[in-house]
């Protein structure tokens, strides 16, 4: 029962976090952000397995489950009050920033095409 609940919440977390990451990341940085997240999450997994194995070897398997539950509870408890404000601020920032549909290069400067079709010159 606990494993099914853990699997369900993990699935929900993955979908929500990936969706919000894609929603609030500027298109020009999306590949970097998603790749960095993937590298960190997959790269740290072996370290977590090593730490869990060391705890299990010294304190028993029950201690691993209790520590894991404690960490997840602390993260959820700390994240819950911050999440609505953070998403609200991100939504407000998105409404004040012009959405970028694509970037076209000209000979002298970059031209940014906004969603409304207007061209915007970028001096860089």
PDB file of N, CA and C in Angstrom:
ATOM      1  N   UNK A   1       0.824  -1.185   0.000  1.00  0.00           N
ATOM      2  CA  UNK A   1       0.000   0.000   0.000  1.00  0.00           C
ATOM      3  C   UNK A   1       0.879   1.264   0.000  1.00  0.00           C
ATOM      4  N   UNK A   2       1.904   1.260   0.839  1.00  0.00           N
ATOM      5  CA  UNK A   2       2.794   2.412   0.929  1.00  0.00           C
ATOM      6  C   UNK A   2       3.554   2.597  -0.381  1.00  0.00           C
ATOM      7  N   UNK A   3       3.999   1.496  -0.993  1.00  0.00           N
ATOM      8  CA  UNK A   3       4.719   1.600  -2.258  1.00  0.00           C
ATOM      9  C   UNK A   3       3.823   2.129  -3.370  1.00  0.00           C
ATOM     10  N   UNK A   4       2.564   1.719  -3.386  1.00  0.00           N
ATOM     11  CA  UNK A   4       1.628   2.230  -4.389  1.00  0.00           C
ATOM     12  C   UNK A   4       1.396   3.727  -4.194  1.00  0.00           C
ATOM     13  N   UNK A   5       1.272   4.154  -2.956  1.00  0.00           N
ATOM     14  CA  UNK A   5       1.108   5.577  -2.668  1.00  0.00           C
ATOM     15  C   UNK A   5       2.353   6.364  -3.072  1.00  0.00           C
ATOM     16  N   UNK A   6       3.513   5.831  -2.770  1.00  0.00           N
ATOM     17  CA  UNK A   6       4.771   6.475  -3.143  1.00  0.00           C
ATOM     18  C   UNK A   6       4.900   6.571  -4.662  1.00  0.00           C
ATOM     19  N   UNK A   7       4.552   5.498  -5.367  1.00  0.00           N
ATOM     20  CA  UNK A   7       4.628   5.511  -6.830  1.00  0.00           C
ATOM     21  C   UNK A   7       3.659   6.535  -7.409  1.00  0.00           C
ATOM     22  N   UNK A   8       2.472   6.626  -6.861  1.00  0.00           N
ATOM     23  CA  UNK A   8       1.493   7.602  -7.348  1.00  0.00           C
ATOM     24  C   UNK A   8       1.929   9.031  -7.113  1.00  0.00           C
ATOM     25  N   UNK A   9       2.458   9.311  -5.941  1.00  0.00           N
ATOM     26  CA  UNK A   9       2.903  10.677  -5.659  1.00  0.00           C
ATOM     27  C   UNK A   9       4.149  11.025  -6.471  1.00  0.00           C
ATOM     28  N   UNK A  10       5.009  10.051  -6.720  1.00  0.00           N
ATOM     29  CA  UNK A  10       6.186  10.288  -7.556  1.00  0.00           C
ATOM     30  C   UNK A  10       5.767  10.604  -8.981  1.00  0.00           C
ATOM     31  N   UNK A  11       4.812   9.872  -9.504  1.00  0.00           N
ATOM     32  CA  UNK A  11       4.294  10.132 -10.842  1.00  0.00           C
ATOM     33  C   UNK A  11       3.689  11.526 -10.925  1.00  0.00           C
ATOM     34  N   UNK A  12       2.884  11.883  -9.952  1.00  0.00           N
ATOM     35  CA  UNK A  12       2.276  13.210  -9.924  1.00  0.00           C
ATOM     36  C   UNK A  12       3.336  14.309  -9.830  1.00  0.00           C
ATOM     37  N   UNK A  13       4.329  14.113  -8.982  1.00  0.00           N
ATOM     38  CA  UNK A  13       5.410  15.093  -8.840  1.00  0.00           C
ATOM     39  C   UNK A  13       6.158  15.276 -10.153  1.00  0.00           C
ATOM     40  N   UNK A  14       6.486  14.172 -10.817  1.00  0.00           N
ATOM     41  CA  UNK A  14       7.233  14.268 -12.067  1.00  0.00           C
ATOM     42  C   UNK A  14       6.461  15.035 -13.130  1.00  0.00           C
ATOM     43  N   UNK A  15       5.178  14.765 -13.271  1.00  0.00           N
ATOM     44  CA  UNK A  15       4.366  15.455 -14.276  1.00  0.00           C
ATOM     45  C   UNK A  15       4.249  16.941 -13.937  1.00  0.00           C
ATOM     46  N   UNK A  16       3.953  17.262 -12.697  1.00  0.00           N
ATOM     47  CA  UNK A  16       3.781  18.670 -12.304  1.00  0.00           C
ATOM     48  C   UNK A  16       5.080  19.461 -12.386  1.00  0.00           C
ATOM     49  N   UNK A  17       6.173  18.883 -11.927  1.00  0.00           N
ATOM     50  CA  UNK A  17       7.437  19.619 -11.951  1.00  0.00           C
ATOM     51  C   UNK A  17       7.935  19.813 -13.376  1.00  0.00           C
ATOM     52  N   UNK A  18       7.789  18.803 -14.216  1.00  0.00           N
ATOM     53  CA  UNK A  18       8.219  18.942 -15.608  1.00  0.00           C
ATOM     54  C   UNK A  18       7.350  19.956 -16.345  1.00  0.00           C
ATOM     55  N   UNK A  19       6.053  19.930 -16.102  1.00  0.00           N
ATOM     56  CA  UNK A  19       5.151  20.883 -16.751  1.00  0.00           C
ATOM     57  C   UNK A  19       5.448  22.313 -16.326  1.00  0.00           C
ATOM     58  N   UNK A  20       5.663  22.536 -15.040  1.00  0.00           N
ATOM     59  CA  UNK A  20       5.954  23.896 -14.581  1.00  0.00           C
ATOM     60  C   UNK A  20       7.316  24.365 -15.081  1.00  0.00           C
ATOM     61  N   UNK A  21       8.279  23.456 -15.149  1.00  0.00           N
ATOM     62  CA  UNK A  21       9.585  23.821 -15.685  1.00  0.00           C
ATOM     63  C   UNK A  21       9.467  24.256 -17.137  1.00  0.00           C
ATOM     64  N   UNK A  22       8.677  23.535 -17.926  1.00  0.00           N
ATOM     65  CA  UNK A  22       8.489  23.899 -19.327  1.00  0.00           C
ATOM     66  C   UNK A  22       7.670  25.176 -19.468  1.00  0.00           C
ATOM     67  N   UNK A  23       6.733  25.396 -18.585  1.00  0.00           N
ATOM     68  CA  UNK A  23       5.862  26.568 -18.665  1.00  0.00           C
ATOM     69  C   UNK A  23       6.606  27.859 -18.340  1.00  0.00           C
ATOM     70  N   UNK A  24       7.472  27.845 -17.350  1.00  0.00           N
ATOM     71  CA  UNK A  24       8.082  29.076 -16.863  1.00  0.00           C
ATOM     72  C   UNK A  24       9.506  29.314 -17.352  1.00  0.00           C
ATOM     73  N   UNK A  25      10.060  28.416 -18.126  1.00  0.00           N
ATOM     74  CA  UNK A  25      11.410  28.606 -18.649  1.00  0.00           C
ATOM     75  C   UNK A  25      11.331  29.276 -20.012  1.00  0.00           C
ATOM     76  N   UNK A  26      12.103  30.334 -20.225  1.00  0.00           N
ATOM     77  CA  UNK A  26      12.117  30.964 -21.547  1.00  0.00           C
ATOM     78  C   UNK A  26      12.541  29.956 -22.617  1.00  0.00           C
ATOM     79  N   UNK A  27      11.971  30.062 -23.814  1.00  0.00           N
ATOM     80  CA  UNK A  27      12.290  29.089 -24.869  1.00  0.00           C
ATOM     81  C   UNK A  27      13.781  28.973 -25.172  1.00  0.00           C
ATOM     82  N   UNK A  28      14.502  30.063 -25.063  1.00  0.00           N
ATOM     83  CA  UNK A  28      15.929  30.012 -25.377  1.00  0.00           C
ATOM     84  C   UNK A  28      16.736  29.220 -24.344  1.00  0.00           C
ATOM     85  N   UNK A  29      16.194  29.028 -23.145  1.00  0.00           N
ATOM     86  CA  UNK A  29      16.903  28.301 -22.089  1.00  0.00           C
ATOM     87  C   UNK A  29      16.315  26.926 -21.803  1.00  0.00           C
ATOM     88  N   UNK A  30      15.244  26.573 -22.481  1.00  0.00           N
ATOM     89  CA  UNK A  30      14.514  25.353 -22.140  1.00  0.00           C
ATOM     90  C   UNK A  30      15.384  24.099 -22.234  1.00  0.00           C
ATOM     91  N   UNK A  31      16.141  23.970 -23.301  1.00  0.00           N
ATOM     92  CA  UNK A  31      16.994  22.787 -23.444  1.00  0.00           C
ATOM     93  C   UNK A  31      18.022  22.683 -22.342  1.00  0.00           C
ATOM     94  N   UNK A  32      18.616  23.804 -21.973  1.00  0.00           N
ATOM     95  CA  UNK A  32      19.633  23.801 -20.915  1.00  0.00           C
ATOM     96  C   UNK A  32      19.032  23.448 -19.563  1.00  0.00           C
ATOM     97  N   UNK A  33      17.876  24.016 -19.277  1.00  0.00           N
ATOM     98  CA  UNK A  33      17.236  23.761 -17.986  1.00  0.00           C
ATOM     99  C   UNK A  33      16.814  22.301 -17.869  1.00  0.00           C
ATOM    100  N   UNK A  34      16.165  21.776 -18.903  1.00  0.00           N
ATOM    101  CA  UNK A  34      15.697  20.388 -18.844  1.00  0.00           C
ATOM    102  C   UNK A  34      16.864  19.408 -18.799  1.00  0.00           C
ATOM    103  N   UNK A  35      17.918  19.687 -19.557  1.00  0.00           N
ATOM    104  CA  UNK A  35      19.085  18.810 -19.545  1.00  0.00           C
ATOM    105  C   UNK A  35      19.803  18.861 -18.200  1.00  0.00           C
ATOM    106  N   UNK A  36      19.922  20.048 -17.623  1.00  0.00           N
ATOM    107  CA  UNK A  36      20.565  20.168 -16.308  1.00  0.00           C
ATOM    108  C   UNK A  36      19.784  19.414 -15.245  1.00  0.00           C
ATOM    109  N   UNK A  37      18.465  19.551 -15.282  1.00  0.00           N
ATOM    110  CA  UNK A  37      17.641  18.830 -14.312  1.00  0.00           C
ATOM    111  C   UNK A  37      17.804  17.325 -14.472  1.00  0.00           C
ATOM    112  N   UNK A  38      17.784  16.865 -15.702  1.00  0.00           N
ATOM    113  CA  UNK A  38      17.925  15.422 -15.947  1.00  0.00           C
ATOM    114  C   UNK A  38      19.291  14.923 -15.461  1.00  0.00           C
ATOM    115  N   UNK A  39      20.345  15.683 -15.758  1.00  0.00           N
ATOM    116  CA  UNK A  39      21.691  15.270 -15.343  1.00  0.00           C
ATOM    117  C   UNK A  39      21.811  15.227 -13.819  1.00  0.00           C
ATOM    118  N   UNK A  40      21.249  16.233 -13.145  1.00  0.00           N
ATOM    119  CA  UNK A  40      21.314  16.240 -11.675  1.00  0.00           C
ATOM    120  C   UNK A  40      20.503  15.106 -11.072  1.00  0.00           C
ATOM    121  N   UNK A  41      19.288  14.915 -11.559  1.00  0.00           N
ATOM    122  CA  UNK A  41      18.440  13.888 -10.949  1.00  0.00           C
ATOM    123  C   UNK A  41      18.991  12.489 -11.189  1.00  0.00           C
ATOM    124  N   UNK A  42      19.430  12.208 -12.412  1.00  0.00           N
ATOM    125  CA  UNK A  42      19.992  10.878 -12.675  1.00  0.00           C
ATOM    126  C   UNK A  42      21.385  10.741 -12.096  1.00  0.00           C
ATOM    127  N   UNK A  43      22.125  11.824 -12.033  1.00  0.00           N
ATOM    128  CA  UNK A  43      23.485  11.754 -11.501  1.00  0.00           C
ATOM    129  C   UNK A  43      23.536  11.572  -9.996  1.00  0.00           C
ATOM    130  N   UNK A  44      22.550  12.096  -9.289  1.00  0.00           N
ATOM    131  CA  UNK A  44      22.538  11.977  -7.832  1.00  0.00           C
ATOM    132  C   UNK A  44      21.877  10.691  -7.335  1.00  0.00           C
ATOM    133  N   UNK A  45      21.179   9.991  -8.219  1.00  0.00           N
ATOM    134  CA  UNK A  45      20.514   8.749  -7.822  1.00  0.00           C
ATOM    135  C   UNK A  45      21.497   7.713  -7.272  1.00  0.00           C
ATOM    136  N   UNK A  46      22.644   7.462  -7.909  1.00  0.00           N
ATOM    137  CA  UNK A  46      23.587   6.496  -7.324  1.00  0.00           C
ATOM    138  C   UNK A  46      24.103   6.916  -5.951  1.00  0.00           C
ATOM    139  N   UNK A  47      24.265   8.231  -5.730  1.00  0.00           N
ATOM    140  CA  UNK A  47      24.705   8.681  -4.406  1.00  0.00           C
ATOM    141  C   UNK A  47      23.640   8.401  -3.353  1.00  0.00           C
ATOM    142  N   UNK A  48      22.377   8.586  -3.709  1.00  0.00           N
ATOM    143  CA  UNK A  48      21.286   8.261  -2.791  1.00  0.00           C
ATOM    144  C   UNK A  48      21.224   6.773  -2.488  1.00  0.00           C
ATOM    145  N   UNK A  49      21.458   5.957  -3.525  1.00  0.00           N
ATOM    146  CA  UNK A  49      21.471   4.504  -3.312  1.00  0.00           C
ATOM    147  C   UNK A  49      22.632   4.103  -2.401  1.00  0.00           C
ATOM    148  N   UNK A  50      23.782   4.727  -2.593  1.00  0.00           N
ATOM    149  CA  UNK A  50      24.940   4.446  -1.738  1.00  0.00           C
ATOM    150  C   UNK A  50      24.656   4.847  -0.289  1.00  0.00           C
ATOM    151  N   UNK A  51      24.094   6.031  -0.110  1.00  0.00           N
ATOM    152  CA  UNK A  51      23.768   6.489   1.248  1.00  0.00           C
ATOM    153  C   UNK A  51      22.732   5.574   1.896  1.00  0.00           C
ATOM    154  N   UNK A  52      21.708   5.188   1.125  1.00  0.00           N
ATOM    155  CA  UNK A  52      20.702   4.265   1.665  1.00  0.00           C
ATOM    156  C   UNK A  52      21.295   2.924   2.048  1.00  0.00           C
ATOM    157  N   UNK A  53      22.223   2.425   1.234  1.00  0.00           N
ATOM    158  CA  UNK A  53      22.883   1.157   1.550  1.00  0.00           C
ATOM    159  C   UNK A  53      23.722   1.247   2.804  1.00  0.00           C
ATOM    160  N   UNK A  54      24.410   2.379   2.972  1.00  0.00           N
ATOM    161  CA  UNK A  54      25.234   2.552   4.174  1.00  0.00           C
ATOM    162  C   UNK A  54      24.369   2.646   5.427  1.00  0.00           C
ATOM    163  N   UNK A  55      23.264   3.377   5.328  1.00  0.00           N
ATOM    164  CA  UNK A  55      22.359   3.477   6.479  1.00  0.00           C
ATOM    165  C   UNK A  55      21.764   2.111   6.793  1.00  0.00           C
ATOM    166  N   UNK A  56      21.351   1.377   5.758  1.00  0.00           N
ATOM    167  CA  UNK A  56      20.769   0.047   5.977  1.00  0.00           C
ATOM    168  C   UNK A  56      21.777  -0.905   6.605  1.00  0.00           C
ATOM    169  N   UNK A  57      23.034  -0.799   6.202  1.00  0.00           N
ATOM    170  CA  UNK A  57      24.064  -1.688   6.751  1.00  0.00           C
ATOM    171  C   UNK A  57      24.331  -1.403   8.224  1.00  0.00           C
ATOM    172  N   UNK A  58      24.237  -0.144   8.616  1.00  0.00           N
ATOM    173  CA  UNK A  58      24.563   0.222   9.994  1.00  0.00           C
ATOM    174  C   UNK A  58      23.350   0.260  10.923  1.00  0.00           C
ATOM    175  N   UNK A  59      22.193   0.671  10.391  1.00  0.00           N
ATOM    176  CA  UNK A  59      21.022   0.854  11.260  1.00  0.00           C
ATOM    177  C   UNK A  59      19.836  -0.028  10.901  1.00  0.00           C
ATOM    178  N   UNK A  60      19.909  -0.737   9.799  1.00  0.00           N
ATOM    179  CA  UNK A  60      18.805  -1.596   9.399  1.00  0.00           C
ATOM    180  C   UNK A  60      17.931  -0.939   8.336  1.00  0.00           C
ATOM    181  N   UNK A  61      17.154  -1.788   7.673  1.00  0.00           N
ATOM    182  CA  UNK A  61      16.321  -1.327   6.567  1.00  0.00           C
ATOM    183  C   UNK A  61      15.188  -0.403   7.030  1.00  0.00           C
ATOM    184  N   UNK A  62      14.688  -0.636   8.223  1.00  0.00           N
ATOM    185  CA  UNK A  62      13.613   0.208   8.747  1.00  0.00           C
ATOM    186  C   UNK A  62      14.080   1.672   8.875  1.00  0.00           C
ATOM    187  N   UNK A  63      15.331   1.879   9.241  1.00  0.00           N
ATOM    188  CA  UNK A  63      15.867   3.241   9.369  1.00  0.00           C
ATOM    189  C   UNK A  63      15.890   3.951   8.015  1.00  0.00           C
ATOM    190  N   UNK A  64      16.175   3.207   6.934  1.00  0.00           N
ATOM    191  CA  UNK A  64      16.166   3.809   5.599  1.00  0.00           C
ATOM    192  C   UNK A  64      14.773   4.313   5.254  1.00  0.00           C
ATOM    193  N   UNK A  65      13.754   3.496   5.511  1.00  0.00           N
ATOM    194  CA  UNK A  65      12.377   3.892   5.203  1.00  0.00           C
ATOM    195  C   UNK A  65      11.950   5.086   6.066  1.00  0.00           C
ATOM    196  N   UNK A  66      12.325   5.068   7.331  1.00  0.00           N
ATOM    197  CA  UNK A  66      11.956   6.183   8.208  1.00  0.00           C
ATOM    198  C   UNK A  66      12.664   7.476   7.801  1.00  0.00           C
ATOM    199  N   UNK A  67      13.936   7.379   7.446  1.00  0.00           N
ATOM    200  CA  UNK A  67      14.664   8.581   7.002  1.00  0.00           C
ATOM    201  C   UNK A  67      14.096   9.108   5.684  1.00  0.00           C
ATOM    202  N   UNK A  68      13.793   8.207   4.766  1.00  0.00           N
ATOM    203  CA  UNK A  68      13.199   8.626   3.495  1.00  0.00           C
ATOM    204  C   UNK A  68      11.859   9.319   3.694  1.00  0.00           C
ATOM    205  N   UNK A  69      11.025   8.731   4.569  1.00  0.00           N
ATOM    206  CA  UNK A  69       9.728   9.345   4.856  1.00  0.00           C
ATOM    207  C   UNK A  69       9.895  10.698   5.528  1.00  0.00           C
ATOM    208  N   UNK A  70      10.879  10.812   6.414  1.00  0.00           N
ATOM    209  CA  UNK A  70      11.123  12.080   7.102  1.00  0.00           C
ATOM    210  C   UNK A  70      11.571  13.169   6.129  1.00  0.00           C
ATOM    211  N   UNK A  71      12.468  12.804   5.229  1.00  0.00           N
ATOM    212  CA  UNK A  71      12.943  13.787   4.245  1.00  0.00           C
ATOM    213  C   UNK A  71      11.802  14.223   3.331  1.00  0.00           C
ATOM    214  N   UNK A  72      11.019  13.271   2.840  1.00  0.00           N
ATOM    215  CA  UNK A  72       9.895  13.626   1.963  1.00  0.00           C
ATOM    216  C   UNK A  72       8.867  14.474   2.690  1.00  0.00           C
ATOM    217  N   UNK A  73       8.591  14.161   3.928  1.00  0.00           N
ATOM    218  CA  UNK A  73       7.640  14.966   4.702  1.00  0.00           C
ATOM    219  C   UNK A  73       8.167  16.381   4.905  1.00  0.00           C
ATOM    220  N   UNK A  74       9.446  16.505   5.202  1.00  0.00           N
ATOM    221  CA  UNK A  74      10.031  17.839   5.380  1.00  0.00           C
ATOM    222  C   UNK A  74       9.985  18.647   4.088  1.00  0.00           C
ATOM    223  N   UNK A  75      10.277  18.004   2.968  1.00  0.00           N
ATOM    224  CA  UNK A  75      10.250  18.707   1.680  1.00  0.00           C
ATOM    225  C   UNK A  75       8.839  19.154   1.351  1.00  0.00           C
ATOM    226  N   UNK A  76       7.872  18.262   1.503  1.00  0.00           N
ATOM    227  CA  UNK A  76       6.483  18.618   1.194  1.00  0.00           C
ATOM    228  C   UNK A  76       5.986  19.714   2.134  1.00  0.00           C
ATOM    229  N   UNK A  77       6.317  19.606   3.404  1.00  0.00           N
ATOM    230  CA  UNK A  77       5.891  20.602   4.378  1.00  0.00           C
ATOM    231  C   UNK A  77       6.522  21.962   4.085  1.00  0.00           C
ATOM    232  N   UNK A  78       7.787  21.971   3.725  1.00  0.00           N
ATOM    233  CA  UNK A  78       8.453  23.236   3.409  1.00  0.00           C
ATOM    234  C   UNK A  78       8.056  23.801   2.062  1.00  0.00           C
ATOM    235  N   UNK A  79       7.765  22.933   1.083  1.00  0.00           N
ATOM    236  CA  UNK A  79       7.444  23.365  -0.272  1.00  0.00           C
ATOM    237  C   UNK A  79       6.014  23.895  -0.372  1.00  0.00           C
ATOM    238  N   UNK A  80       5.106  23.312   0.344  1.00  0.00           N
ATOM    239  CA  UNK A  80       3.681  23.634   0.203  1.00  0.00           C
ATOM    240  C   UNK A  80       3.368  25.112   0.406  1.00  0.00           C
ATOM    241  N   UNK A  81       3.866  25.782   1.444  1.00  0.00           N
ATOM    242  CA  UNK A  81       3.543  27.205   1.598  1.00  0.00           C
ATOM    243  C   UNK A  81       4.208  28.082   0.527  1.00  0.00           C
ATOM    244  N   UNK A  82       5.332  27.649  -0.023  1.00  0.00           N
ATOM    245  CA  UNK A  82       6.059  28.461  -0.997  1.00  0.00           C
ATOM    246  C   UNK A  82       5.494  28.335  -2.406  1.00  0.00           C
ATOM    247  N   UNK A  83       4.934  27.184  -2.742  1.00  0.00           N
ATOM    248  CA  UNK A  83       4.533  26.893  -4.117  1.00  0.00           C
ATOM    249  C   UNK A  83       3.498  27.880  -4.673  1.00  0.00           C
ATOM    250  N   UNK A  84       2.383  28.160  -3.993  1.00  0.00           N
ATOM    251  CA  UNK A  84       1.411  29.074  -4.600  1.00  0.00           C
ATOM    252  C   UNK A  84       1.987  30.463  -4.871  1.00  0.00           C
ATOM    253  N   UNK A  85       2.770  30.982  -3.949  1.00  0.00           N
ATOM    254  CA  UNK A  85       3.353  32.310  -4.152  1.00  0.00           C
ATOM    255  C   UNK A  85       4.347  32.288  -5.310  1.00  0.00           C
ATOM    256  N   UNK A  86       5.159  31.265  -5.376  1.00  0.00           N
ATOM    257  CA  UNK A  86       6.153  31.168  -6.446  1.00  0.00           C
ATOM    258  C   UNK A  86       5.485  31.062  -7.809  1.00  0.00           C
ATOM    259  N   UNK A  87       4.433  30.260  -7.918  1.00  0.00           N
ATOM    260  CA  UNK A  87       3.741  30.141  -9.192  1.00  0.00           C
ATOM    261  C   UNK A  87       3.020  31.433  -9.558  1.00  0.00           C
ATOM    262  N   UNK A  88       2.452  32.106  -8.577  1.00  0.00           N
ATOM    263  CA  UNK A  88       1.779  33.380  -8.835  1.00  0.00           C
ATOM    264  C   UNK A  88       2.775  34.420  -9.340  1.00  0.00           C
ATOM    265  N   UNK A  89       3.943  34.499  -8.698  1.00  0.00           N
ATOM    266  CA  UNK A  89       4.969  35.447  -9.136  1.00  0.00           C
ATOM    267  C   UNK A  89       5.488  35.106 -10.535  1.00  0.00           C
ATOM    268  N   UNK A  90       5.632  33.819 -10.814  1.00  0.00           N
ATOM    269  CA  UNK A  90       6.094  33.419 -12.145  1.00  0.00           C
ATOM    270  C   UNK A  90       5.058  33.762 -13.212  1.00  0.00           C
ATOM    271  N   UNK A  91       3.781  33.568 -12.901  1.00  0.00           N
ATOM    272  CA  UNK A  91       2.723  33.922 -13.848  1.00  0.00           C
ATOM    273  C   UNK A  91       2.711  35.425 -14.108  1.00  0.00           C
ATOM    274  N   UNK A  92       2.884  36.216 -13.047  1.00  0.00           N
ATOM    275  CA  UNK A  92       2.924  37.673 -13.224  1.00  0.00           C
ATOM    276  C   UNK A  92       4.123  38.088 -14.071  1.00  0.00           C
ATOM    277  N   UNK A  93       5.257  37.461 -13.864  1.00  0.00           N
ATOM    278  CA  UNK A  93       6.435  37.779 -14.664  1.00  0.00           C
ATOM    279  C   UNK A  93       6.219  37.392 -16.126  1.00  0.00           C
ATOM    280  N   UNK A  94       5.500  36.306 -16.358  1.00  0.00           N
ATOM    281  CA  UNK A  94       5.234  35.874 -17.731  1.00  0.00           C
ATOM    282  C   UNK A  94       4.318  36.857 -18.444  1.00  0.00           C
ATOM    283  N   UNK A  95       3.380  37.462 -17.732  1.00  0.00           N
ATOM    284  CA  UNK A  95       2.464  38.395 -18.391  1.00  0.00           C
ATOM    285  C   UNK A  95       3.144  39.711 -18.723  1.00  0.00           C
ATOM    286  N   UNK A  96       4.183  40.082 -17.976  1.00  0.00           N
ATOM    287  CA  UNK A  96       4.886  41.341 -18.239  1.00  0.00           C
ATOM    288  C   UNK A  96       6.004  41.192 -19.251  1.00  0.00           C
ATOM    289  N   UNK A  97       6.420  39.968 -19.535  1.00  0.00           N
ATOM    290  CA  UNK A  97       7.493  39.732 -20.493  1.00  0.00           C
ATOM    291  C   UNK A  97       6.868  39.349 -21.831  1.00  0.00           C
ATOM    292  N   UNK A  98       7.294  39.973 -22.919  1.00  0.00           N
ATOM    293  CA  UNK A  98       6.738  39.583 -24.214  1.00  0.00           C
ATOM    294  C   UNK A  98       7.162  38.159 -24.567  1.00  0.00           C
ATOM    295  N   UNK A  99       6.220  37.383 -25.035  1.00  0.00           N
ATOM    296  CA  UNK A  99       6.524  36.006 -25.399  1.00  0.00           C
ATOM    297  C   UNK A  99       7.310  35.987 -26.705  1.00  0.00           C
ATOM    298  N   UNK A 100       8.303  35.156 -26.751  1.00  0.00           N
ATOM    299  CA  UNK A 100       9.144  35.066 -27.938  1.00  0.00           C
ATOM    300  C   UNK A 100       8.746  33.809 -28.708  1.00  0.00           C
ATOM    301  N   UNK A 101       8.378  33.999 -29.983  1.00  0.00           N
ATOM    302  CA  UNK A 101       8.001  32.863 -30.805  1.00  0.00           C
ATOM    303  C   UNK A 101       9.206  32.285 -31.534  1.00  0.00           C
ATOM    304  N   UNK A 102      10.093  33.125 -32.007  1.00  0.00           N
ATOM    305  CA  UNK A 102      11.250  32.630 -32.735  1.00  0.00           C
ATOM    306  C   UNK A 102      12.281  33.722 -32.883  1.00  0.00           C
ATOM    307  N   UNK A 103      13.471  33.357 -33.243  1.00  0.00           N
ATOM    308  CA  UNK A 103      14.545  34.325 -33.428  1.00  0.00           C
ATOM    309  C   UNK A 103      15.055  34.173 -34.846  1.00  0.00           C
ATOM    310  N   UNK A 104      15.045  35.275 -35.598  1.00  0.00           N
ATOM    311  CA  UNK A 104      15.546  35.272 -36.969  1.00  0.00           C
ATOM    312  C   UNK A 104      16.812  36.112 -37.020  1.00  0.00           C
ATOM    313  N   UNK A 105      17.787  35.667 -37.769  1.00  0.00           N
ATOM    314  CA  UNK A 105      19.047  36.403 -37.894  1.00  0.00           C
ATOM    315  C   UNK A 105      19.018  37.250 -39.163  1.00  0.00           C
ATOM    316  N   UNK A 106      19.498  38.466 -39.033  1.00  0.00           N
ATOM    317  CA  UNK A 106      19.731  39.301 -40.203  1.00  0.00           C
ATOM    318  C   UNK A 106      21.229  39.541 -40.282  1.00  0.00           C
ATOM    319  N   UNK A 107      21.684  40.296 -41.309  1.00  0.00           N
ATOM    320  CA  UNK A 107      23.118  40.510 -41.441  1.00  0.00           C
ATOM    321  C   UNK A 107      23.691  41.308 -40.277  1.00  0.00           C
ATOM    322  N   UNK A 108      22.961  42.296 -39.777  1.00  0.00           N
ATOM    323  CA  UNK A 108      23.536  43.197 -38.784  1.00  0.00           C
ATOM    324  C   UNK A 108      23.066  42.925 -37.357  1.00  0.00           C
ATOM    325  N   UNK A 109      21.860  42.478 -37.147  1.00  0.00           N
ATOM    326  CA  UNK A 109      21.355  42.257 -35.792  1.00  0.00           C
ATOM    327  C   UNK A 109      20.309  41.157 -35.772  1.00  0.00           C
ATOM    328  N   UNK A 110      20.084  40.652 -34.580  1.00  0.00           N
ATOM    329  CA  UNK A 110      19.068  39.610 -34.426  1.00  0.00           C
ATOM    330  C   UNK A 110      17.694  40.245 -34.435  1.00  0.00           C
ATOM    331  N   UNK A 111      16.750  39.568 -35.048  1.00  0.00           N
ATOM    332  CA  UNK A 111      15.362  40.006 -35.043  1.00  0.00           C
ATOM    333  C   UNK A 111      14.558  38.993 -34.240  1.00  0.00           C
ATOM    334  N   UNK A 112      13.819  39.454 -33.268  1.00  0.00           N
ATOM    335  CA  UNK A 112      13.004  38.570 -32.438  1.00  0.00           C
ATOM    336  C   UNK A 112      11.555  38.727 -32.873  1.00  0.00           C
ATOM    337  N   UNK A 113      10.902  37.601 -33.176  1.00  0.00           N
ATOM    338  CA  UNK A 113       9.509  37.618 -33.604  1.00  0.00           C
ATOM    339  C   UNK A 113       8.643  37.306 -32.398  1.00  0.00           C
ATOM    340  N   UNK A 114       7.774  38.246 -32.036  1.00  0.00           N
ATOM    341  CA  UNK A 114       6.874  38.032 -30.901  1.00  0.00           C
ATOM    342  C   UNK A 114       5.640  37.275 -31.362  1.00  0.00           C
ATOM    343  N   UNK A 115       4.824  36.829 -30.398  1.00  0.00           N
ATOM    344  CA  UNK A 115       3.612  36.086 -30.724  1.00  0.00           C
ATOM    345  C   UNK A 115       2.652  36.905 -31.566  1.00  0.00           C
ATOM    346  N   UNK A 116       2.627  38.225 -31.395  1.00  0.00           N
ATOM    347  CA  UNK A 116       1.712  39.043 -32.173  1.00  0.00           C
ATOM    348  C   UNK A 116       2.263  39.339 -33.580  1.00  0.00           C
ATOM    349  N   UNK A 117       3.410  38.766 -33.917  1.00  0.00           N
ATOM    350  CA  UNK A 117       3.982  38.929 -35.249  1.00  0.00           C
ATOM    351  C   UNK A 117       4.907  40.117 -35.396  1.00  0.00           C
ATOM    352  N   UNK A 118       5.011  40.962 -34.371  1.00  0.00           N
ATOM    353  CA  UNK A 118       5.865  42.151 -34.442  1.00  0.00           C
ATOM    354  C   UNK A 118       7.330  41.742 -34.346  1.00  0.00           C
ATOM    355  N   UNK A 119       8.165  42.430 -35.103  1.00  0.00           N
ATOM    356  CA  UNK A 119       9.604  42.182 -35.054  1.00  0.00           C
ATOM    357  C   UNK A 119      10.219  43.136 -34.048  1.00  0.00           C
ATOM    358  N   UNK A 120      11.152  42.640 -33.283  1.00  0.00           N
ATOM    359  CA  UNK A 120      11.823  43.441 -32.270  1.00  0.00           C
ATOM    360  C   UNK A 120      13.326  43.266 -32.489  1.00  0.00           C
ATOM    361  N   UNK A 121      14.054  44.363 -32.603  1.00  0.00           N
ATOM    362  CA  UNK A 121      15.503  44.293 -32.818  1.00  0.00           C
ATOM    363  C   UNK A 121      16.215  44.081 -31.507  1.00  0.00           C
ATOM    364  N   UNK A 122      17.164  43.192 -31.507  1.00  0.00           N
ATOM    365  CA  UNK A 122      17.983  42.934 -30.335  1.00  0.00           C
ATOM    366  C   UNK A 122      19.385  43.440 -30.645  1.00  0.00           C
ATOM    367  N   UNK A 123      19.877  44.437 -29.911  1.00  0.00           N
ATOM    368  CA  UNK A 123      21.171  45.035 -30.242  1.00  0.00           C
ATOM    369  C   UNK A 123      22.361  44.121 -30.021  1.00  0.00           C
ATOM    370  N   UNK A 124      22.201  42.993 -29.344  1.00  0.00           N
ATOM    371  CA  UNK A 124      23.365  42.138 -29.056  1.00  0.00           C
ATOM    372  C   UNK A 124      23.799  41.352 -30.273  1.00  0.00           C
TER     373      UNK A 124
END
